[in-house]
């Protein structure tokens, strides 16, 4: 199972879309609210050089923004559908 961490804020509409997409695809993830967790926010910026959200790490590989193509590839979501 891949380790997925989503960095978001409560007011971010793209963050909500990303989390909804992950739930629809039954992807378990840990959510980090960077508006409350400043230490995690600093770590996120150190890793990606980006302050914006959503960001996610899939097995420690960063994805900045709601990049469905990259998310699907890293989580092997399209392959999952083909196997059914």
PDB file of N, CA and C in Angstrom:
ATOM      1  N   UNK A   1       0.847  -1.182   0.000  1.00  0.00           N
ATOM      2  CA  UNK A   1       0.000   0.000   0.000  1.00  0.00           C
ATOM      3  C   UNK A   1       0.891   1.243   0.000  1.00  0.00           C
ATOM      4  N   UNK A   2       0.514   2.215  -0.784  1.00  0.00           N
ATOM      5  CA  UNK A   2       1.279   3.450  -0.884  1.00  0.00           C
ATOM      6  C   UNK A   2       0.903   4.397   0.251  1.00  0.00           C
ATOM      7  N   UNK A   3       1.903   5.105   0.762  1.00  0.00           N
ATOM      8  CA  UNK A   3       1.665   6.088   1.811  1.00  0.00           C
ATOM      9  C   UNK A   3       1.331   7.416   1.142  1.00  0.00           C
ATOM     10  N   UNK A   4       0.145   7.945   1.444  1.00  0.00           N
ATOM     11  CA  UNK A   4      -0.338   9.169   0.807  1.00  0.00           C
ATOM     12  C   UNK A   4      -0.619  10.217   1.882  1.00  0.00           C
ATOM     13  N   UNK A   5      -0.009  11.385   1.712  1.00  0.00           N
ATOM     14  CA  UNK A   5      -0.240  12.515   2.612  1.00  0.00           C
ATOM     15  C   UNK A   5      -0.733  13.680   1.771  1.00  0.00           C
ATOM     16  N   UNK A   6      -1.850  14.277   2.180  1.00  0.00           N
ATOM     17  CA  UNK A   6      -2.425  15.426   1.477  1.00  0.00           C
ATOM     18  C   UNK A   6      -2.262  16.659   2.354  1.00  0.00           C
ATOM     19  N   UNK A   7      -1.650  17.686   1.788  1.00  0.00           N
ATOM     20  CA  UNK A   7      -1.486  18.973   2.466  1.00  0.00           C
ATOM     21  C   UNK A   7      -2.547  19.910   1.915  1.00  0.00           C
ATOM     22  N   UNK A   8      -3.351  20.479   2.809  1.00  0.00           N
ATOM     23  CA  UNK A   8      -4.479  21.283   2.358  1.00  0.00           C
ATOM     24  C   UNK A   8      -4.809  22.360   3.384  1.00  0.00           C
ATOM     25  N   UNK A   9      -5.795  23.182   3.025  1.00  0.00           N
ATOM     26  CA  UNK A   9      -6.384  24.146   3.959  1.00  0.00           C
ATOM     27  C   UNK A   9      -7.899  24.015   3.850  1.00  0.00           C
ATOM     28  N   UNK A  10      -8.628  24.418   4.875  1.00  0.00           N
ATOM     29  CA  UNK A  10     -10.088  24.278   4.854  1.00  0.00           C
ATOM     30  C   UNK A  10     -10.777  25.107   3.769  1.00  0.00           C
ATOM     31  N   UNK A  11     -10.165  26.192   3.328  1.00  0.00           N
ATOM     32  CA  UNK A  11     -10.821  27.084   2.365  1.00  0.00           C
ATOM     33  C   UNK A  11     -10.443  26.804   0.920  1.00  0.00           C
ATOM     34  N   UNK A  12      -9.620  25.811   0.675  1.00  0.00           N
ATOM     35  CA  UNK A  12      -9.101  25.520  -0.669  1.00  0.00           C
ATOM     36  C   UNK A  12     -10.057  24.601  -1.434  1.00  0.00           C
ATOM     37  N   UNK A  13     -10.658  25.124  -2.505  1.00  0.00           N
ATOM     38  CA  UNK A  13     -11.615  24.316  -3.276  1.00  0.00           C
ATOM     39  C   UNK A  13     -10.917  23.178  -4.024  1.00  0.00           C
ATOM     40  N   UNK A  14      -9.706  23.391  -4.525  1.00  0.00           N
ATOM     41  CA  UNK A  14      -8.974  22.318  -5.211  1.00  0.00           C
ATOM     42  C   UNK A  14      -8.578  21.220  -4.239  1.00  0.00           C
ATOM     43  N   UNK A  15      -8.342  21.595  -2.994  1.00  0.00           N
ATOM     44  CA  UNK A  15      -8.040  20.594  -1.961  1.00  0.00           C
ATOM     45  C   UNK A  15      -9.242  19.679  -1.752  1.00  0.00           C
ATOM     46  N   UNK A  16     -10.419  20.275  -1.689  1.00  0.00           N
ATOM     47  CA  UNK A  16     -11.647  19.476  -1.520  1.00  0.00           C
ATOM     48  C   UNK A  16     -11.844  18.543  -2.710  1.00  0.00           C
ATOM     49  N   UNK A  17     -11.581  19.044  -3.914  1.00  0.00           N
ATOM     50  CA  UNK A  17     -11.722  18.200  -5.116  1.00  0.00           C
ATOM     51  C   UNK A  17     -10.734  17.042  -5.081  1.00  0.00           C
ATOM     52  N   UNK A  18      -9.503  17.323  -4.684  1.00  0.00           N
ATOM     53  CA  UNK A  18      -8.487  16.272  -4.604  1.00  0.00           C
ATOM     54  C   UNK A  18      -8.893  15.202  -3.600  1.00  0.00           C
ATOM     55  N   UNK A  19      -9.306  15.611  -2.410  1.00  0.00           N
ATOM     56  CA  UNK A  19      -9.689  14.642  -1.374  1.00  0.00           C
ATOM     57  C   UNK A  19     -10.911  13.834  -1.809  1.00  0.00           C
ATOM     58  N   UNK A  20     -11.837  14.481  -2.472  1.00  0.00           N
ATOM     59  CA  UNK A  20     -13.011  13.778  -2.980  1.00  0.00           C
ATOM     60  C   UNK A  20     -12.601  12.734  -4.023  1.00  0.00           C
ATOM     61  N   UNK A  21     -11.693  13.108  -4.908  1.00  0.00           N
ATOM     62  CA  UNK A  21     -11.201  12.187  -5.937  1.00  0.00           C
ATOM     63  C   UNK A  21     -10.525  10.971  -5.296  1.00  0.00           C
ATOM     64  N   UNK A  22      -9.714  11.214  -4.286  1.00  0.00           N
ATOM     65  CA  UNK A  22      -9.042  10.107  -3.605  1.00  0.00           C
ATOM     66  C   UNK A  22     -10.052   9.193  -2.924  1.00  0.00           C
ATOM     67  N   UNK A  23     -11.050   9.784  -2.267  1.00  0.00           N
ATOM     68  CA  UNK A  23     -12.084   8.966  -1.607  1.00  0.00           C
ATOM     69  C   UNK A  23     -12.873   8.145  -2.625  1.00  0.00           C
ATOM     70  N   UNK A  24     -13.230   8.767  -3.754  1.00  0.00           N
ATOM     71  CA  UNK A  24     -13.961   8.050  -4.809  1.00  0.00           C
ATOM     72  C   UNK A  24     -13.176   6.841  -5.296  1.00  0.00           C
ATOM     73  N   UNK A  25     -11.860   6.960  -5.302  1.00  0.00           N
ATOM     74  CA  UNK A  25     -11.001   5.875  -5.766  1.00  0.00           C
ATOM     75  C   UNK A  25     -10.506   4.989  -4.627  1.00  0.00           C
ATOM     76  N   UNK A  26     -11.111   5.191  -3.448  1.00  0.00           N
ATOM     77  CA  UNK A  26     -10.818   4.365  -2.266  1.00  0.00           C
ATOM     78  C   UNK A  26      -9.332   4.378  -1.895  1.00  0.00           C
ATOM     79  N   UNK A  27      -8.725   5.568  -2.006  1.00  0.00           N
ATOM     80  CA  UNK A  27      -7.326   5.751  -1.625  1.00  0.00           C
ATOM     81  C   UNK A  27      -7.292   6.274  -0.193  1.00  0.00           C
ATOM     82  N   UNK A  28      -6.624   5.553   0.681  1.00  0.00           N
ATOM     83  CA  UNK A  28      -6.476   6.011   2.065  1.00  0.00           C
ATOM     84  C   UNK A  28      -5.373   7.057   2.107  1.00  0.00           C
ATOM     85  N   UNK A  29      -5.616   8.129   2.863  1.00  0.00           N
ATOM     86  CA  UNK A  29      -4.622   9.190   2.951  1.00  0.00           C
ATOM     87  C   UNK A  29      -4.682   9.851   4.316  1.00  0.00           C
ATOM     88  N   UNK A  30      -3.574  10.476   4.661  1.00  0.00           N
ATOM     89  CA  UNK A  30      -3.479  11.287   5.865  1.00  0.00           C
ATOM     90  C   UNK A  30      -3.590  12.730   5.432  1.00  0.00           C
ATOM     91  N   UNK A  31      -4.457  13.484   6.085  1.00  0.00           N
ATOM     92  CA  UNK A  31      -4.648  14.893   5.742  1.00  0.00           C
ATOM     93  C   UNK A  31      -3.912  15.778   6.737  1.00  0.00           C
ATOM     94  N   UNK A  32      -3.195  16.771   6.217  1.00  0.00           N
ATOM     95  CA  UNK A  32      -2.486  17.735   7.052  1.00  0.00           C
ATOM     96  C   UNK A  32      -3.001  19.124   6.699  1.00  0.00           C
ATOM     97  N   UNK A  33      -3.591  19.796   7.676  1.00  0.00           N
ATOM     98  CA  UNK A  33      -4.083  21.165   7.497  1.00  0.00           C
ATOM     99  C   UNK A  33      -2.915  22.112   7.764  1.00  0.00           C
ATOM    100  N   UNK A  34      -2.326  22.643   6.690  1.00  0.00           N
ATOM    101  CA  UNK A  34      -1.134  23.484   6.849  1.00  0.00           C
ATOM    102  C   UNK A  34      -1.457  24.862   7.419  1.00  0.00           C
ATOM    103  N   UNK A  35      -2.745  25.225   7.481  1.00  0.00           N
ATOM    104  CA  UNK A  35      -3.097  26.489   8.125  1.00  0.00           C
ATOM    105  C   UNK A  35      -3.002  26.371   9.648  1.00  0.00           C
ATOM    106  N   UNK A  36      -3.017  25.152  10.150  1.00  0.00           N
ATOM    107  CA  UNK A  36      -2.912  24.907  11.591  1.00  0.00           C
ATOM    108  C   UNK A  36      -1.565  24.287  11.978  1.00  0.00           C
ATOM    109  N   UNK A  37      -0.997  23.500  11.087  1.00  0.00           N
ATOM    110  CA  UNK A  37       0.247  22.792  11.379  1.00  0.00           C
ATOM    111  C   UNK A  37       1.395  23.489  10.642  1.00  0.00           C
ATOM    112  N   UNK A  38       1.977  24.484  11.289  1.00  0.00           N
ATOM    113  CA  UNK A  38       3.006  25.303  10.647  1.00  0.00           C
ATOM    114  C   UNK A  38       4.307  24.537  10.425  1.00  0.00           C
ATOM    115  N   UNK A  39       4.589  23.597  11.286  1.00  0.00           N
ATOM    116  CA  UNK A  39       5.789  22.773  11.105  1.00  0.00           C
ATOM    117  C   UNK A  39       5.674  21.954   9.821  1.00  0.00           C
ATOM    118  N   UNK A  40       4.512  21.349   9.602  1.00  0.00           N
ATOM    119  CA  UNK A  40       4.288  20.580   8.377  1.00  0.00           C
ATOM    120  C   UNK A  40       4.324  21.492   7.153  1.00  0.00           C
ATOM    121  N   UNK A  41       3.791  22.700   7.288  1.00  0.00           N
ATOM    122  CA  UNK A  41       3.809  23.657   6.173  1.00  0.00           C
ATOM    123  C   UNK A  41       5.246  23.988   5.782  1.00  0.00           C
ATOM    124  N   UNK A  42       6.107  24.214   6.757  1.00  0.00           N
ATOM    125  CA  UNK A  42       7.515  24.504   6.460  1.00  0.00           C
ATOM    126  C   UNK A  42       8.187  23.308   5.783  1.00  0.00           C
ATOM    127  N   UNK A  43       7.884  22.109   6.244  1.00  0.00           N
ATOM    128  CA  UNK A  43       8.443  20.900   5.632  1.00  0.00           C
ATOM    129  C   UNK A  43       7.984  20.729   4.197  1.00  0.00           C
ATOM    130  N   UNK A  44       6.718  21.047   3.955  1.00  0.00           N
ATOM    131  CA  UNK A  44       6.161  20.964   2.608  1.00  0.00           C
ATOM    132  C   UNK A  44       6.902  21.924   1.677  1.00  0.00           C
ATOM    133  N   UNK A  45       7.107  23.156   2.135  1.00  0.00           N
ATOM    134  CA  UNK A  45       7.793  24.164   1.315  1.00  0.00           C
ATOM    135  C   UNK A  45       9.248  23.768   1.088  1.00  0.00           C
ATOM    136  N   UNK A  46       9.895  23.230   2.105  1.00  0.00           N
ATOM    137  CA  UNK A  46      11.290  22.782   1.944  1.00  0.00           C
ATOM    138  C   UNK A  46      11.394  21.702   0.874  1.00  0.00           C
ATOM    139  N   UNK A  47      10.425  20.799   0.859  1.00  0.00           N
ATOM    140  CA  UNK A  47      10.490  19.664  -0.072  1.00  0.00           C
ATOM    141  C   UNK A  47      10.191  20.081  -1.511  1.00  0.00           C
ATOM    142  N   UNK A  48       9.217  20.971  -1.700  1.00  0.00           N
ATOM    143  CA  UNK A  48       8.763  21.286  -3.061  1.00  0.00           C
ATOM    144  C   UNK A  48       9.125  22.688  -3.523  1.00  0.00           C
ATOM    145  N   UNK A  49       9.448  23.570  -2.580  1.00  0.00           N
ATOM    146  CA  UNK A  49       9.691  24.962  -2.949  1.00  0.00           C
ATOM    147  C   UNK A  49       8.406  25.718  -3.239  1.00  0.00           C
ATOM    148  N   UNK A  50       7.270  25.103  -2.969  1.00  0.00           N
ATOM    149  CA  UNK A  50       5.961  25.687  -3.262  1.00  0.00           C
ATOM    150  C   UNK A  50       5.164  25.869  -1.972  1.00  0.00           C
ATOM    151  N   UNK A  51       4.468  27.012  -1.871  1.00  0.00           N
ATOM    152  CA  UNK A  51       3.626  27.259  -0.701  1.00  0.00           C
ATOM    153  C   UNK A  51       2.164  26.910  -0.945  1.00  0.00           C
ATOM    154  N   UNK A  52       1.771  26.827  -2.198  1.00  0.00           N
ATOM    155  CA  UNK A  52       0.365  26.610  -2.524  1.00  0.00           C
ATOM    156  C   UNK A  52      -0.097  25.200  -2.228  1.00  0.00           C
ATOM    157  N   UNK A  53      -1.390  25.074  -2.033  1.00  0.00           N
ATOM    158  CA  UNK A  53      -2.036  23.778  -1.830  1.00  0.00           C
ATOM    159  C   UNK A  53      -3.139  23.633  -2.878  1.00  0.00           C
ATOM    160  N   UNK A  54      -3.527  22.422  -3.207  1.00  0.00           N
ATOM    161  CA  UNK A  54      -3.139  21.172  -2.571  1.00  0.00           C
ATOM    162  C   UNK A  54      -1.762  20.699  -3.032  1.00  0.00           C
ATOM    163  N   UNK A  55      -1.152  19.975  -2.141  1.00  0.00           N
ATOM    164  CA  UNK A  55       0.043  19.210  -2.445  1.00  0.00           C
ATOM    165  C   UNK A  55      -0.155  17.855  -1.806  1.00  0.00           C
ATOM    166  N   UNK A  56       0.465  16.872  -2.391  1.00  0.00           N
ATOM    167  CA  UNK A  56       0.413  15.551  -1.773  1.00  0.00           C
ATOM    168  C   UNK A  56       1.743  14.855  -1.984  1.00  0.00           C
ATOM    169  N   UNK A  57       2.046  13.953  -1.091  1.00  0.00           N
ATOM    170  CA  UNK A  57       3.220  13.113  -1.224  1.00  0.00           C
ATOM    171  C   UNK A  57       2.726  11.684  -1.336  1.00  0.00           C
ATOM    172  N   UNK A  58       3.167  11.009  -2.378  1.00  0.00           N
ATOM    173  CA  UNK A  58       2.831   9.606  -2.591  1.00  0.00           C
ATOM    174  C   UNK A  58       4.137   8.834  -2.445  1.00  0.00           C
ATOM    175  N   UNK A  59       4.243   8.061  -1.374  1.00  0.00           N
ATOM    176  CA  UNK A  59       5.509   7.388  -1.052  1.00  0.00           C
ATOM    177  C   UNK A  59       6.672   8.367  -1.094  1.00  0.00           C
ATOM    178  N   UNK A  60       6.450   9.532  -0.519  1.00  0.00           N
ATOM    179  CA  UNK A  60       7.459  10.587  -0.382  1.00  0.00           C
ATOM    180  C   UNK A  60       7.778  11.297  -1.700  1.00  0.00           C
ATOM    181  N   UNK A  61       7.008  11.043  -2.755  1.00  0.00           N
ATOM    182  CA  UNK A  61       7.184  11.754  -4.030  1.00  0.00           C
ATOM    183  C   UNK A  61       6.132  12.851  -4.104  1.00  0.00           C
ATOM    184  N   UNK A  62       6.564  14.113  -4.250  1.00  0.00           N
ATOM    185  CA  UNK A  62       5.611  15.225  -4.217  1.00  0.00           C
ATOM    186  C   UNK A  62       4.808  15.375  -5.503  1.00  0.00           C
ATOM    187  N   UNK A  63       3.543  15.752  -5.322  1.00  0.00           N
ATOM    188  CA  UNK A  63       2.666  16.151  -6.422  1.00  0.00           C
ATOM    189  C   UNK A  63       2.100  17.504  -6.018  1.00  0.00           C
ATOM    190  N   UNK A  64       2.392  18.526  -6.812  1.00  0.00           N
ATOM    191  CA  UNK A  64       1.913  19.872  -6.517  1.00  0.00           C
ATOM    192  C   UNK A  64       0.679  20.128  -7.371  1.00  0.00           C
ATOM    193  N   UNK A  65      -0.418  20.519  -6.713  1.00  0.00           N
ATOM    194  CA  UNK A  65      -1.672  20.762  -7.423  1.00  0.00           C
ATOM    195  C   UNK A  65      -2.461  19.475  -7.598  1.00  0.00           C
ATOM    196  N   UNK A  66      -3.630  19.613  -8.199  1.00  0.00           N
ATOM    197  CA  UNK A  66      -4.500  18.458  -8.448  1.00  0.00           C
ATOM    198  C   UNK A  66      -4.195  17.952  -9.854  1.00  0.00           C
ATOM    199  N   UNK A  67      -3.079  17.253  -9.983  1.00  0.00           N
ATOM    200  CA  UNK A  67      -2.588  16.732 -11.259  1.00  0.00           C
ATOM    201  C   UNK A  67      -3.062  15.286 -11.395  1.00  0.00           C
ATOM    202  N   UNK A  68      -4.273  15.120 -11.950  1.00  0.00           N
ATOM    203  CA  UNK A  68      -4.893  13.788 -12.026  1.00  0.00           C
ATOM    204  C   UNK A  68      -4.014  12.781 -12.751  1.00  0.00           C
ATOM    205  N   UNK A  69      -3.399  13.200 -13.845  1.00  0.00           N
ATOM    206  CA  UNK A  69      -2.580  12.280 -14.629  1.00  0.00           C
ATOM    207  C   UNK A  69      -1.432  11.729 -13.790  1.00  0.00           C
ATOM    208  N   UNK A  70      -0.744  12.607 -13.095  1.00  0.00           N
ATOM    209  CA  UNK A  70       0.385  12.171 -12.264  1.00  0.00           C
ATOM    210  C   UNK A  70      -0.093  11.350 -11.075  1.00  0.00           C
ATOM    211  N   UNK A  71      -1.199  11.769 -10.469  1.00  0.00           N
ATOM    212  CA  UNK A  71      -1.761  11.036  -9.328  1.00  0.00           C
ATOM    213  C   UNK A  71      -2.162   9.626  -9.756  1.00  0.00           C
ATOM    214  N   UNK A  72      -2.860   9.530 -10.881  1.00  0.00           N
ATOM    215  CA  UNK A  72      -3.286   8.217 -11.381  1.00  0.00           C
ATOM    216  C   UNK A  72      -2.083   7.312 -11.645  1.00  0.00           C
ATOM    217  N   UNK A  73      -1.035   7.899 -12.232  1.00  0.00           N
ATOM    218  CA  UNK A  73       0.157   7.110 -12.551  1.00  0.00           C
ATOM    219  C   UNK A  73       0.852   6.634 -11.274  1.00  0.00           C
ATOM    220  N   UNK A  74       1.068   7.548 -10.322  1.00  0.00           N
ATOM    221  CA  UNK A  74       1.783   7.178  -9.097  1.00  0.00           C
ATOM    222  C   UNK A  74       0.985   6.212  -8.220  1.00  0.00           C
ATOM    223  N   UNK A  75      -0.338   6.347  -8.241  1.00  0.00           N
ATOM    224  CA  UNK A  75      -1.189   5.453  -7.440  1.00  0.00           C
ATOM    225  C   UNK A  75      -1.660   4.241  -8.231  1.00  0.00           C
ATOM    226  N   UNK A  76      -1.304   4.211  -9.522  1.00  0.00           N
ATOM    227  CA  UNK A  76      -1.702   3.118 -10.408  1.00  0.00           C
ATOM    228  C   UNK A  76      -3.214   2.941 -10.427  1.00  0.00           C
ATOM    229  N   UNK A  77      -3.934   4.064 -10.478  1.00  0.00           N
ATOM    230  CA  UNK A  77      -5.400   4.002 -10.445  1.00  0.00           C
ATOM    231  C   UNK A  77      -5.970   3.467 -11.744  1.00  0.00           C
ATOM    232  N   UNK A  78      -5.424   3.857 -12.868  1.00  0.00           N
ATOM    233  CA  UNK A  78      -5.953   3.375 -14.148  1.00  0.00           C
ATOM    234  C   UNK A  78      -5.675   1.890 -14.315  1.00  0.00           C
ATOM    235  N   UNK A  79      -4.522   1.424 -13.827  1.00  0.00           N
ATOM    236  CA  UNK A  79      -4.215  -0.005 -13.884  1.00  0.00           C
ATOM    237  C   UNK A  79      -5.176  -0.806 -13.027  1.00  0.00           C
ATOM    238  N   UNK A  80      -5.599  -0.208 -11.911  1.00  0.00           N
ATOM    239  CA  UNK A  80      -6.534  -0.873 -11.007  1.00  0.00           C
ATOM    240  C   UNK A  80      -7.843  -1.167 -11.728  1.00  0.00           C
ATOM    241  N   UNK A  81      -8.320  -0.189 -12.534  1.00  0.00           N
ATOM    242  CA  UNK A  81      -9.573  -0.384 -13.267  1.00  0.00           C
ATOM    243  C   UNK A  81      -9.432  -1.489 -14.303  1.00  0.00           C
ATOM    244  N   UNK A  82      -8.284  -1.568 -14.973  1.00  0.00           N
ATOM    245  CA  UNK A  82      -8.071  -2.569 -16.014  1.00  0.00           C
ATOM    246  C   UNK A  82      -8.030  -3.978 -15.445  1.00  0.00           C
ATOM    247  N   UNK A  83      -7.584  -4.120 -14.195  1.00  0.00           N
ATOM    248  CA  UNK A  83      -7.466  -5.438 -13.575  1.00  0.00           C
ATOM    249  C   UNK A  83      -8.808  -6.024 -13.182  1.00  0.00           C
ATOM    250  N   UNK A  84      -9.834  -5.178 -13.067  1.00  0.00           N
ATOM    251  CA  UNK A  84     -11.150  -5.659 -12.617  1.00  0.00           C
ATOM    252  C   UNK A  84     -11.831  -6.469 -13.682  1.00  0.00           C
TER     253      UNK A  84
END
